[in-house]
Protein backbone atom coordinates (compact mmCIF):
# COMPACT_ATOMS: atom_id res chain seq x y z
CA UNK A 1 -26.26 -3.09 -31.44
CA UNK A 2 -24.92 -1.29 -28.29
CA UNK A 3 -21.22 -1.71 -27.75
CA UNK A 4 -18.14 0.17 -26.71
CA UNK A 5 -17.36 1.05 -30.27
CA UNK A 6 -20.60 2.88 -30.91
CA UNK A 7 -23.77 1.54 -32.45
CA UNK A 8 -25.32 1.14 -35.87
CA UNK A 9 -28.74 2.69 -36.39
CA UNK A 10 -31.66 0.50 -37.56
CA UNK A 11 -32.17 2.62 -40.55
CA UNK A 12 -34.05 0.22 -42.87
CA UNK A 13 -37.79 0.14 -42.58
CA UNK A 14 -39.60 -3.08 -43.55
CA UNK A 15 -40.90 -1.25 -46.73
CA UNK A 16 -37.34 -0.22 -47.66
CA UNK A 17 -36.01 -3.75 -47.13
CA UNK A 18 -38.79 -5.22 -49.17
CA UNK A 19 -38.18 -2.90 -52.21
CA UNK A 20 -34.30 -3.10 -52.00
CA UNK A 21 -34.58 -6.84 -51.84
CA UNK A 22 -36.55 -6.72 -55.04
CA UNK A 23 -34.12 -4.35 -56.78
CA UNK A 24 -30.76 -4.98 -55.24
CA UNK A 25 -28.01 -6.67 -57.24
CA UNK A 26 -29.58 -5.55 -60.48
CA UNK A 27 -26.56 -3.75 -62.11
CA UNK A 28 -23.89 -4.37 -64.64
CA UNK A 29 -23.87 -8.05 -64.15
CA UNK A 30 -27.22 -8.49 -65.82
CA UNK A 31 -27.17 -5.45 -68.11
CA UNK A 32 -23.75 -5.84 -69.59
CA UNK A 33 -21.86 -8.99 -68.39
CA UNK A 34 -24.62 -11.15 -69.78
CA UNK A 35 -23.16 -10.27 -73.20
CA UNK A 36 -19.80 -11.87 -72.12
CA UNK A 37 -21.60 -14.92 -70.83
CA UNK A 38 -23.41 -15.36 -74.07
CA UNK A 39 -20.23 -14.88 -76.16
CA UNK A 40 -18.23 -17.22 -73.91
CA UNK A 41 -20.64 -20.11 -73.41
CA UNK A 42 -23.38 -19.82 -75.95
CA UNK A 43 -27.09 -19.77 -75.21
CA UNK A 44 -27.30 -23.27 -73.81
CA UNK A 45 -24.55 -22.94 -71.28
CA UNK A 46 -25.81 -19.55 -70.39
CA UNK A 47 -29.29 -20.61 -69.51
CA UNK A 48 -28.25 -23.71 -67.54
CA UNK A 49 -25.52 -21.87 -65.60
CA UNK A 50 -27.92 -18.95 -64.70
CA UNK A 51 -30.60 -21.46 -63.56
CA UNK A 52 -28.15 -23.30 -61.34
CA UNK A 53 -26.85 -20.12 -59.79
CA UNK A 54 -30.39 -18.92 -59.20
CA UNK A 55 -31.16 -22.13 -57.31
CA UNK A 56 -28.15 -21.33 -55.14
CA UNK A 57 -29.70 -17.98 -54.28
CA UNK A 58 -32.66 -19.79 -52.64
CA UNK A 59 -30.27 -22.05 -50.81
CA UNK A 60 -28.11 -19.08 -49.57
CA UNK A 61 -31.14 -17.28 -48.12
CA UNK A 62 -32.51 -20.47 -46.56
CA UNK A 63 -29.23 -21.04 -44.80
CA UNK A 64 -28.42 -17.33 -43.97
CA UNK A 65 -31.91 -16.26 -42.72
CA UNK A 66 -32.13 -18.73 -39.90
CA UNK A 67 -28.97 -17.23 -38.35
CA UNK A 68 -29.73 -13.55 -39.27
CA UNK A 69 -33.20 -13.48 -37.91
CA UNK A 70 -32.00 -14.92 -34.57
CA UNK A 71 -28.70 -12.91 -34.51
CA UNK A 72 -29.23 -9.72 -36.53
CA UNK A 73 -25.58 -8.46 -36.46
CA UNK A 74 -24.12 -6.35 -39.20
CA UNK A 75 -21.14 -8.60 -39.85
CA UNK A 76 -23.60 -11.44 -40.71
CA UNK A 77 -21.89 -14.76 -41.69
CA UNK A 78 -18.40 -13.44 -40.93
CA UNK A 79 -19.55 -13.07 -37.31
CA UNK A 80 -21.30 -16.51 -37.41
CA UNK A 81 -18.19 -18.31 -38.88
CA UNK A 82 -16.21 -16.85 -35.93
CA UNK A 83 -18.57 -18.08 -33.18
CA UNK A 84 -19.57 -21.44 -34.59
CA UNK A 85 -16.60 -22.62 -36.71
CA UNK A 86 -13.23 -20.93 -36.27
CA UNK A 87 -11.92 -17.32 -35.97
CA UNK A 88 -9.40 -18.05 -38.71
CA UNK A 89 -12.08 -19.04 -41.20
CA UNK A 90 -13.93 -15.75 -40.31
CA UNK A 91 -10.71 -13.84 -41.05
CA UNK A 92 -10.13 -15.52 -44.38
CA UNK A 93 -13.76 -15.29 -45.54
CA UNK A 94 -13.99 -11.72 -44.21
CA UNK A 95 -10.96 -10.48 -46.03
CA UNK A 96 -12.06 -12.12 -49.31
CA UNK A 97 -15.59 -10.65 -48.89
CA UNK A 98 -14.14 -7.17 -48.19
CA UNK A 99 -11.76 -7.40 -51.08
CA UNK A 100 -14.38 -8.75 -53.42
CA UNK A 101 -16.94 -6.08 -52.72
CA UNK A 102 -14.37 -3.31 -52.86
CA UNK A 103 -13.21 -4.63 -56.25
CA UNK A 104 -16.80 -4.49 -57.46
CA UNK A 105 -16.72 -0.71 -57.06
CA UNK A 106 -13.89 -0.65 -59.52
CA UNK A 107 -15.53 -3.00 -61.95
CA UNK A 108 -18.85 -0.95 -61.86
CA UNK A 109 -16.79 2.17 -62.63
CA UNK A 110 -15.44 0.41 -65.78
CA UNK A 111 -18.90 -0.62 -66.71
CA UNK A 112 -20.19 2.89 -66.18
CA UNK A 113 -17.57 4.07 -68.64
CA UNK A 114 -18.87 1.60 -71.19
CA UNK A 115 -22.35 3.01 -70.81
CA UNK A 116 -21.04 6.65 -71.07
CA UNK A 117 -19.11 5.86 -74.25
CA UNK A 118 -22.31 4.61 -75.81
CA UNK A 119 -23.21 8.27 -76.10
CA UNK A 120 -19.80 9.81 -76.13
CA UNK A 121 -18.33 7.49 -78.66
CA UNK A 122 -14.85 7.79 -77.20
CA UNK A 123 -14.78 11.57 -76.88
CA UNK A 124 -15.11 11.56 -73.07
CA UNK A 125 -11.86 10.64 -71.23
CA UNK A 126 -11.91 7.37 -69.20
CA UNK A 127 -10.17 9.15 -66.25
CA UNK A 128 -13.02 11.82 -66.08
CA UNK A 129 -15.67 9.19 -66.32
CA UNK A 130 -14.25 7.11 -63.42
CA UNK A 131 -13.67 10.28 -61.38
CA UNK A 132 -17.33 11.36 -61.77
CA UNK A 133 -18.52 7.91 -61.00
CA UNK A 134 -16.41 7.50 -57.79
CA UNK A 135 -17.37 10.92 -56.44
CA UNK A 136 -21.09 10.34 -57.09
CA UNK A 137 -20.85 6.95 -55.34
CA UNK A 138 -18.75 7.92 -52.37
CA UNK A 139 -20.40 11.20 -51.41
CA UNK A 140 -23.57 9.32 -50.28
CA UNK A 141 -21.57 7.95 -47.29
CA UNK A 142 -20.75 11.56 -46.12
CA UNK A 143 -24.43 11.75 -45.20
CA UNK A 144 -26.39 9.97 -42.36
CA UNK A 145 -27.15 6.30 -42.83
CA UNK A 146 -30.80 6.93 -43.57
CA UNK A 147 -29.81 8.71 -46.70
CA UNK A 148 -28.23 5.57 -48.05
CA UNK A 149 -31.37 3.60 -47.12
CA UNK A 150 -33.60 6.03 -49.13
CA UNK A 151 -31.02 6.11 -51.96
CA UNK A 152 -31.15 2.35 -52.32
CA UNK A 153 -34.95 2.42 -52.09
CA UNK A 154 -35.34 4.91 -54.82
CA UNK A 155 -32.76 3.41 -57.18
CA UNK A 156 -34.33 -0.06 -56.51
CA UNK A 157 -37.72 1.34 -57.67
CA UNK A 158 -36.07 2.71 -60.84
CA UNK A 159 -34.35 -0.63 -61.54
CA UNK A 160 -37.61 -2.59 -61.01
CA UNK A 161 -39.52 -0.42 -63.48
CA UNK A 162 -36.55 -0.63 -65.91
CA UNK A 163 -36.70 -4.37 -65.76
CA UNK A 164 -40.40 -4.34 -66.39
CA UNK A 165 -39.74 -2.22 -69.47
CA UNK A 166 -36.96 -4.59 -70.58
CA UNK A 167 -39.02 -7.69 -70.28
CA UNK A 168 -42.05 -6.16 -72.06
CA UNK A 169 -39.87 -4.84 -74.82
CA UNK A 170 -37.93 -8.06 -75.23
CA UNK A 171 -41.23 -9.95 -75.72
CA UNK A 172 -42.23 -7.42 -78.37
CA UNK A 173 -38.82 -7.74 -80.17
CA UNK A 174 -39.15 -11.52 -80.21
CA UNK A 175 -42.49 -11.00 -82.06
CA UNK A 176 -40.80 -8.69 -84.55
CA UNK A 177 -41.51 -5.19 -83.21
CA UNK A 178 -39.65 -2.20 -84.67
CA UNK A 179 -39.10 -0.75 -88.17
CA UNK A 180 -36.35 -3.30 -88.76
CA UNK A 181 -37.65 -5.99 -86.46
CA UNK A 182 -37.94 -9.58 -87.55
CA UNK A 183 -39.76 -12.45 -85.84
CA UNK A 184 -37.29 -14.66 -83.96
CA UNK A 185 -37.81 -18.49 -84.27
CA UNK A 186 -34.91 -19.58 -82.15
CA UNK A 187 -32.41 -19.29 -84.93
CA UNK A 188 -29.73 -18.10 -82.41
CA UNK A 189 -29.99 -21.57 -80.91
CA UNK A 190 -30.16 -23.65 -84.09
CA UNK A 191 -27.87 -21.76 -86.51
CA UNK A 192 -25.07 -21.40 -84.06
CA UNK A 193 -23.55 -23.75 -81.43
CA UNK A 194 -25.67 -23.70 -78.34
CA UNK A 195 -22.87 -24.85 -76.08
CA UNK A 196 -19.54 -23.14 -76.59
CA UNK A 197 -16.23 -24.18 -75.04
CA UNK A 198 -17.64 -27.21 -73.27
CA UNK A 199 -17.62 -27.33 -69.41
CA UNK A 200 -15.18 -24.43 -69.28
CA UNK A 201 -17.66 -22.22 -71.13
CA UNK A 202 -20.44 -23.38 -68.70
CA UNK A 203 -18.21 -22.57 -65.65
CA UNK A 204 -17.35 -19.13 -66.97
CA UNK A 205 -21.07 -18.49 -67.52
CA UNK A 206 -21.63 -19.61 -63.93
CA UNK A 207 -18.98 -17.06 -62.71
CA UNK A 208 -20.73 -14.25 -64.66
CA UNK A 209 -24.14 -15.45 -63.39
CA UNK A 210 -22.88 -15.05 -59.84
CA UNK A 211 -21.70 -11.57 -60.80
CA UNK A 212 -25.16 -10.80 -62.19
CA UNK A 213 -27.36 -12.46 -59.54
CA UNK A 214 -25.07 -11.20 -56.83
CA UNK A 215 -23.86 -12.34 -53.53
CA UNK A 216 -27.07 -12.17 -51.53
CA UNK A 217 -25.14 -11.45 -48.34
CA UNK A 218 -26.25 -7.81 -48.79
CA UNK A 219 -29.71 -8.83 -47.72
CA UNK A 220 -28.35 -10.37 -44.60
CA UNK A 221 -26.10 -7.54 -43.69
CA UNK A 222 -28.93 -5.10 -44.30
CA UNK A 223 -31.04 -7.32 -41.99
CA UNK A 224 -28.55 -6.48 -39.24
CA UNK A 225 -29.59 -2.78 -39.47
CA UNK A 226 -33.29 -3.37 -40.13
CA UNK A 227 -36.02 -2.13 -37.86
CA UNK A 228 -37.62 -5.51 -37.73
CA UNK A 229 -35.27 -8.26 -38.83
CA UNK A 230 -37.78 -11.07 -38.22
CA UNK A 231 -40.41 -9.58 -40.54
CA UNK A 232 -38.04 -8.21 -43.18
CA UNK A 233 -35.70 -11.19 -43.47
CA UNK A 234 -38.45 -13.72 -43.61
CA UNK A 235 -40.15 -11.66 -46.27
CA UNK A 236 -36.92 -11.36 -48.27
CA UNK A 237 -36.23 -15.14 -48.07
CA UNK A 238 -39.34 -15.77 -50.10
CA UNK A 239 -39.22 -12.75 -52.26
CA UNK A 240 -35.66 -12.66 -53.50
CA UNK A 241 -35.53 -16.19 -54.94
CA UNK A 242 -38.87 -15.36 -56.79
CA UNK A 243 -37.31 -12.14 -58.17
CA UNK A 244 -34.08 -13.94 -59.26
CA UNK A 245 -35.70 -16.95 -60.85
CA UNK A 246 -38.53 -15.03 -62.56
CA UNK A 247 -36.87 -11.73 -63.63
CA UNK A 248 -33.37 -12.98 -64.30
CA UNK A 249 -34.20 -16.14 -66.08
CA UNK A 250 -36.81 -14.54 -68.22
CA UNK A 251 -34.31 -11.84 -69.21
CA UNK A 252 -31.55 -14.48 -69.95
CA UNK A 253 -33.97 -16.48 -72.21
CA UNK A 254 -34.88 -13.41 -74.08
CA UNK A 255 -31.25 -12.43 -74.54
CA UNK A 256 -30.39 -15.80 -76.03
CA UNK A 257 -33.24 -15.60 -78.44
CA UNK A 258 -32.57 -11.98 -79.59
CA UNK A 259 -28.81 -11.77 -79.79
CA UNK A 260 -26.49 -14.23 -81.52
CA UNK A 261 -23.56 -15.31 -79.53
CA UNK A 262 -21.09 -14.31 -82.24
CA UNK A 263 -22.23 -10.65 -82.36
CA UNK A 264 -19.01 -8.61 -82.26
CA UNK A 265 -20.66 -5.87 -80.17
CA UNK A 266 -20.90 -8.14 -77.09
CA UNK A 267 -18.23 -7.68 -74.33
CA UNK A 268 -16.71 -10.91 -75.34
CA UNK A 269 -16.23 -9.77 -79.01
CA UNK A 270 -13.68 -7.53 -80.56
CA UNK A 271 -15.85 -4.54 -81.21
CA UNK A 272 -17.33 -1.80 -79.02
CA UNK A 273 -18.56 -3.21 -75.72
CA UNK A 274 -22.39 -2.97 -75.35
CA UNK A 275 -25.33 -4.39 -73.41
CA UNK A 276 -27.11 -7.26 -75.27
CA UNK A 277 -30.38 -5.46 -74.50
CA UNK A 278 -29.15 -2.30 -76.25
CA UNK A 279 -27.85 -4.48 -79.08
CA UNK A 280 -31.35 -6.07 -79.52
CA UNK A 281 -33.07 -2.61 -79.53
CA UNK A 282 -30.52 -1.21 -82.08
CA UNK A 283 -31.14 -4.16 -84.40
CA UNK A 284 -34.93 -3.55 -84.25
CA UNK A 285 -34.48 0.07 -85.38
CA UNK A 286 -36.58 1.46 -82.49
CA UNK A 287 -35.39 5.04 -81.72
CA UNK A 288 -34.70 6.56 -78.24
CA UNK A 289 -35.36 3.29 -76.37
CA UNK A 290 -31.72 2.36 -76.28
CA UNK A 291 -30.87 5.69 -74.79
CA UNK A 292 -33.50 5.19 -72.11
CA UNK A 293 -32.16 1.76 -71.21
CA UNK A 294 -28.69 3.13 -71.11
CA UNK A 295 -29.69 5.86 -68.67
CA UNK A 296 -31.50 3.33 -66.45
CA UNK A 297 -28.52 1.01 -66.54
CA UNK A 298 -26.22 3.84 -65.46
CA UNK A 299 -28.52 4.31 -62.39
CA UNK A 300 -28.29 0.54 -61.63
CA UNK A 301 -24.52 0.46 -61.89
CA UNK A 302 -24.21 3.43 -59.47
CA UNK A 303 -26.54 1.76 -57.00
CA UNK A 304 -24.59 -1.46 -57.10
CA UNK A 305 -21.37 0.32 -56.41
CA UNK A 306 -22.93 2.14 -53.39
CA UNK A 307 -24.16 -1.32 -52.15
CA UNK A 308 -20.71 -2.60 -52.51
CA UNK A 309 -19.11 0.20 -50.35
CA UNK A 310 -21.77 -0.40 -47.77
CA UNK A 311 -21.18 -4.16 -47.52
CA UNK A 312 -17.31 -3.91 -47.62
CA UNK A 313 -17.27 -1.30 -44.87
CA UNK A 314 -19.71 -3.36 -42.68
CA UNK A 315 -17.55 -6.50 -43.16
CA UNK A 316 -14.38 -4.69 -42.23
CA UNK A 317 -16.04 -3.14 -39.16
CA UNK A 318 -17.36 -6.51 -38.10
CA UNK A 319 -13.84 -8.06 -38.34
CA UNK A 320 -12.59 -5.23 -36.15
CA UNK A 321 -15.42 -5.68 -33.58
CA UNK A 322 -14.66 -9.45 -33.47
CA UNK A 323 -10.95 -8.73 -32.81
CA UNK A 324 -9.76 -10.09 -36.14
CA UNK A 325 -8.23 -6.77 -37.25
CA UNK A 326 -7.40 -3.50 -35.45
CA UNK A 327 -10.28 -2.50 -33.09
CA UNK A 328 -9.85 1.10 -34.30
CA UNK A 329 -11.85 0.14 -37.45
CA UNK A 330 -14.80 -0.88 -35.31
CA UNK A 331 -15.80 2.71 -34.34
CA UNK A 332 -19.26 3.82 -35.40
CA UNK A 333 -20.07 7.55 -35.31
CA UNK A 334 -23.27 9.16 -34.05
CA UNK A 335 -24.80 8.99 -37.57
CA UNK A 336 -24.50 5.20 -37.65
CA UNK A 337 -21.50 5.05 -39.98
CA UNK A 338 -18.25 2.97 -39.50
CA UNK A 339 -16.19 5.92 -40.37
CA UNK A 340 -12.65 4.55 -40.51
CA UNK A 341 -13.80 1.33 -42.18
CA UNK A 342 -15.56 3.42 -44.80
CA UNK A 343 -12.41 5.58 -45.41
CA UNK A 344 -10.18 2.54 -45.94
CA UNK A 345 -12.72 0.86 -48.21
CA UNK A 346 -13.18 4.02 -50.29
CA UNK A 347 -9.51 4.58 -50.63
CA UNK A 348 -8.78 1.03 -51.94
CA UNK A 349 -11.87 1.28 -54.18
CA UNK A 350 -10.48 4.45 -55.77
CA UNK A 351 -7.00 2.98 -56.24
CA UNK A 352 -8.56 -0.13 -57.99
CA UNK A 353 -10.78 2.18 -60.11
CA UNK A 354 -7.87 4.11 -61.46
CA UNK A 355 -5.97 0.97 -62.23
CA UNK A 356 -8.25 0.65 -65.29
CA UNK A 357 -6.44 3.60 -66.87
CA UNK A 358 -3.59 1.28 -67.73
CA UNK A 359 -3.31 -0.27 -71.18
CA UNK A 360 -4.93 -3.52 -70.13
CA UNK A 361 -7.94 -1.93 -68.51
CA UNK A 362 -10.49 -4.34 -69.97
CA UNK A 363 -8.32 -7.24 -68.90
CA UNK A 364 -8.21 -5.82 -65.41
CA UNK A 365 -12.04 -5.64 -65.37
CA UNK A 366 -12.29 -9.29 -66.42
CA UNK A 367 -9.89 -10.33 -63.70
CA UNK A 368 -11.88 -8.39 -61.07
CA UNK A 369 -15.08 -10.15 -62.08
CA UNK A 370 -13.47 -13.66 -61.99
CA UNK A 371 -11.72 -12.99 -58.65
CA UNK A 372 -14.86 -11.71 -56.97
CA UNK A 373 -17.17 -14.39 -58.36
CA UNK A 374 -14.92 -17.30 -57.38
CA UNK A 375 -14.57 -15.91 -53.84
CA UNK A 376 -18.40 -15.72 -53.70
CA UNK A 377 -18.60 -19.40 -54.58
CA UNK A 378 -16.19 -20.17 -51.70
CA UNK A 379 -18.17 -18.03 -49.24
CA UNK A 380 -21.34 -19.92 -50.19
CA UNK A 381 -19.58 -23.11 -49.08
CA UNK A 382 -18.64 -21.31 -45.84
CA UNK A 383 -22.26 -20.16 -45.28
CA UNK A 384 -23.58 -23.71 -45.73
CA UNK A 385 -20.98 -25.19 -43.46
CA UNK A 386 -21.51 -22.46 -40.83
CA UNK A 387 -25.28 -23.05 -40.90
CA UNK A 388 -24.64 -26.82 -40.21
CA UNK A 389 -22.42 -25.93 -37.28
CA UNK A 390 -25.13 -23.48 -36.07
CA UNK A 391 -27.58 -26.43 -35.87
CA UNK A 392 -24.89 -28.56 -34.21
CA UNK A 393 -24.37 -25.91 -31.48
CA UNK A 394 -28.20 -25.59 -30.83
CA UNK A 395 -28.45 -29.37 -30.53
CA UNK A 396 -25.44 -29.75 -28.30
CA UNK A 397 -26.73 -26.98 -25.93
CA UNK A 398 -30.30 -28.18 -26.13
CA UNK A 399 -31.18 -24.57 -27.12
CA UNK A 400 -34.88 -24.10 -27.90
CA UNK A 401 -34.34 -21.19 -30.26
CA UNK A 402 -36.72 -22.52 -32.89
CA UNK A 403 -39.49 -23.08 -30.29
CA UNK A 404 -39.65 -19.36 -29.41
CA UNK A 405 -42.66 -17.30 -30.45
CA UNK A 406 -42.51 -16.54 -34.22
CA UNK A 407 -39.17 -18.23 -34.50
CA UNK A 408 -38.15 -18.74 -38.10
CA UNK A 409 -36.67 -22.01 -39.19
CA UNK A 410 -35.95 -23.15 -42.73
CA UNK A 411 -38.42 -25.87 -43.83
CA UNK A 412 -35.86 -27.13 -46.33
CA UNK A 413 -33.03 -27.89 -43.82
CA UNK A 414 -30.62 -29.63 -44.50
CA UNK A 415 -31.51 -29.61 -48.24
CA UNK A 416 -30.74 -25.88 -48.58
CA UNK A 417 -27.16 -25.81 -47.20
CA UNK A 418 -26.42 -29.29 -48.73
CA UNK A 419 -27.47 -28.17 -52.21
CA UNK A 420 -25.52 -24.95 -51.94
CA UNK A 421 -22.29 -26.74 -50.94
CA UNK A 422 -22.71 -29.34 -53.76
CA UNK A 423 -23.29 -26.80 -56.55
CA UNK A 424 -20.55 -24.51 -55.28
CA UNK A 425 -18.01 -27.33 -55.21
CA UNK A 426 -19.08 -28.35 -58.68
CA UNK A 427 -18.74 -24.83 -60.15
CA UNK A 428 -15.36 -24.28 -58.50
CA UNK A 429 -14.11 -27.28 -60.43
CA UNK A 430 -14.68 -25.75 -63.81
CA UNK A 431 -11.47 -23.84 -64.46
CA UNK A 432 -10.25 -23.13 -67.96
CA UNK A 433 -7.63 -25.15 -69.68
CA UNK A 434 -4.80 -22.58 -69.62
CA UNK A 435 -2.56 -21.76 -66.69
CA UNK A 436 -3.66 -18.16 -66.81
CA UNK A 437 -7.39 -19.00 -66.84
CA UNK A 438 -6.85 -21.44 -63.93
CA UNK A 439 -5.11 -18.86 -61.86
CA UNK A 440 -7.75 -16.14 -62.68
CA UNK A 441 -10.54 -18.50 -61.82
CA UNK A 442 -9.08 -19.89 -58.59
CA UNK A 443 -7.44 -16.82 -57.14
CA UNK A 444 -10.45 -15.99 -55.03
CA UNK A 445 -10.38 -19.43 -53.45
CA UNK A 446 -6.63 -19.14 -52.88
CA UNK A 447 -7.03 -15.74 -51.13
CA UNK A 448 -9.55 -17.33 -48.64
CA UNK A 449 -7.54 -20.51 -48.12
CA UNK A 450 -4.20 -18.58 -47.67
CA UNK A 451 -5.48 -15.96 -45.32
CA UNK A 452 -7.38 -18.61 -43.24
CA UNK A 453 -4.34 -20.92 -42.95
CA UNK A 454 -1.96 -17.97 -42.16
CA UNK A 455 -4.18 -16.60 -39.48
CA UNK A 456 -4.67 -20.12 -38.01
CA UNK A 457 -0.85 -20.76 -37.89
CA UNK A 458 -0.04 -17.40 -36.41
CA UNK A 459 -2.73 -17.07 -33.79
CA UNK A 460 -3.43 -20.74 -33.21
CA UNK A 461 -7.11 -20.10 -33.10
CA UNK A 462 -9.40 -22.76 -31.52
CA UNK A 463 -11.95 -24.85 -33.45
CA UNK A 464 -15.23 -23.99 -31.82
CA UNK A 465 -16.80 -26.73 -29.69
CA UNK A 466 -20.61 -26.87 -30.41
CA UNK A 467 -21.28 -27.49 -26.72
CA UNK A 468 -19.64 -24.16 -25.70
CA UNK A 469 -20.06 -22.08 -28.82
CA UNK A 470 -21.59 -18.61 -28.26
CA UNK A 471 -25.36 -18.77 -28.90
CA UNK A 472 -26.27 -15.75 -26.85
CA UNK A 473 -24.22 -12.65 -27.93
CA UNK A 474 -26.23 -10.55 -30.39
CA UNK A 475 -29.37 -12.71 -29.96
CA UNK A 476 -32.37 -10.59 -30.37
CA UNK A 477 -35.73 -11.65 -28.88
CA UNK A 478 -38.73 -10.14 -30.48
CA UNK A 479 -40.11 -6.95 -28.91
CA UNK A 480 -43.85 -6.57 -27.93
CA UNK A 481 -44.15 -4.23 -30.94
CA UNK A 482 -42.74 -6.78 -33.34
CA UNK A 483 -44.99 -9.55 -32.04
CA UNK A 484 -47.97 -7.27 -32.43
CA UNK A 485 -46.93 -6.48 -35.98
CA UNK A 486 -46.59 -10.21 -36.77
CA UNK A 487 -49.93 -10.99 -35.07
CA UNK A 488 -51.57 -8.41 -37.32
CA UNK A 489 -49.78 -9.70 -40.39
CA UNK A 490 -50.85 -13.39 -39.88
CA UNK A 491 -54.47 -12.32 -39.14
CA UNK A 492 -54.63 -11.04 -42.76
CA UNK A 493 -56.23 -13.24 -45.44
CA UNK A 494 -53.75 -15.03 -47.64
CA UNK A 495 -54.52 -12.74 -50.70
CA UNK A 496 -53.71 -9.68 -48.56
CA UNK A 497 -50.38 -11.20 -47.46
CA UNK A 498 -49.56 -12.04 -51.03
CA UNK A 499 -49.97 -8.43 -51.93
CA UNK A 500 -47.31 -7.41 -49.41
CA UNK A 501 -44.76 -9.17 -51.71
CA UNK A 502 -45.57 -7.00 -54.68
CA UNK A 503 -46.43 -3.73 -52.98
CA UNK A 504 -43.79 -1.17 -53.73
CA UNK A 505 -44.70 1.63 -51.37
């Protein structure tokens, strides 16, 4: 972490990484955008698309953790693409990742307004809502880095408990709870088409699933500033896929049972935008619960926006540190913040946020979701290919990395990166039938391809030779303290180790 530009602080304790891994990426994607997925693809497409994307989360973490544990740098796979593939690819992927996460701040501001209007019923101006949201989100980064770590920890706890409430309540609603509640027998599947809009509907659901499940690169970037990357990342690699597959899939199944895909209150309909969870509670006639859920969702949306600023600023700083953009952006202050990278990210986020004040604000919001999600799919392909090149470099240099004490190696290699690349390529082929939909769907891919090719032509960057690729810079051997911590952990009985995955404090 020491370098001429200053150093990041290892601000995230194992406990914080554990809880944040459980609660991160729970925001507008699952609370609100699931409504658009249901309206666009129907319940069948929605469930299959979410299941497929959830399997990719497992593959992403299998591919990413091998590299992050050995090389815990804040730039994460952008750094790895530079050292093991090509600097041009790192530039293209890094720019798309930075733009995507910066755009998420704007999209979350739009979703925050939707949640506020649930109470205000249009009486609160959009400009005021966006301004309050952006100030609340960005002021966190005026404080030391540890404040952000604790903020994410606390908001993750809130989101975890909110999800437990949602799942319990959803089960009760399926069974007919509430003054107006009725028992649901799957009529939303049988009385309406289960698969809307064919493969295009499925692909759009997959885009929104990626938005909901999130680009799990946040876990990897956070690992670059963790106190113990070996323990924290290995823990997260097992924990996050469980969280995603259990919590998200259970929620999606409940949504498809409780809310019909033609309900006009969904984001994809013509009425007032609303969360499918809130719609289900309203239909049951249970008072106050919908307001509680709305308040919890607002907290989740704010936390996701803060995560987005954190990731985007770290990606931009990493690109500067690698020499891909101006080195001035690489400076880290004495509080562990990449100050100039943060300023630029925040300014662009604010500009994108206020774009929603135009007449086509909702259309802008939908474009931001599609652009960001499509670039995530492309970055998944880059992660899988970079992981393969990483293994090629270790083999070519006869590097015994995986033989070191407590080294972490994926037991599913090469299945993990192979599956990730296959599914990502499949989903990228599912554009809509109109020219506008195609451009909206593929623009994230075009951004990465265009910036990579342009950088390659201008700077004539070399394709990295596995025999000479850098397998030393940023490599972090375990300290004696970390080895002692792992010794103590593996001496525990299996039941006690299992409890560490569900312990929240």
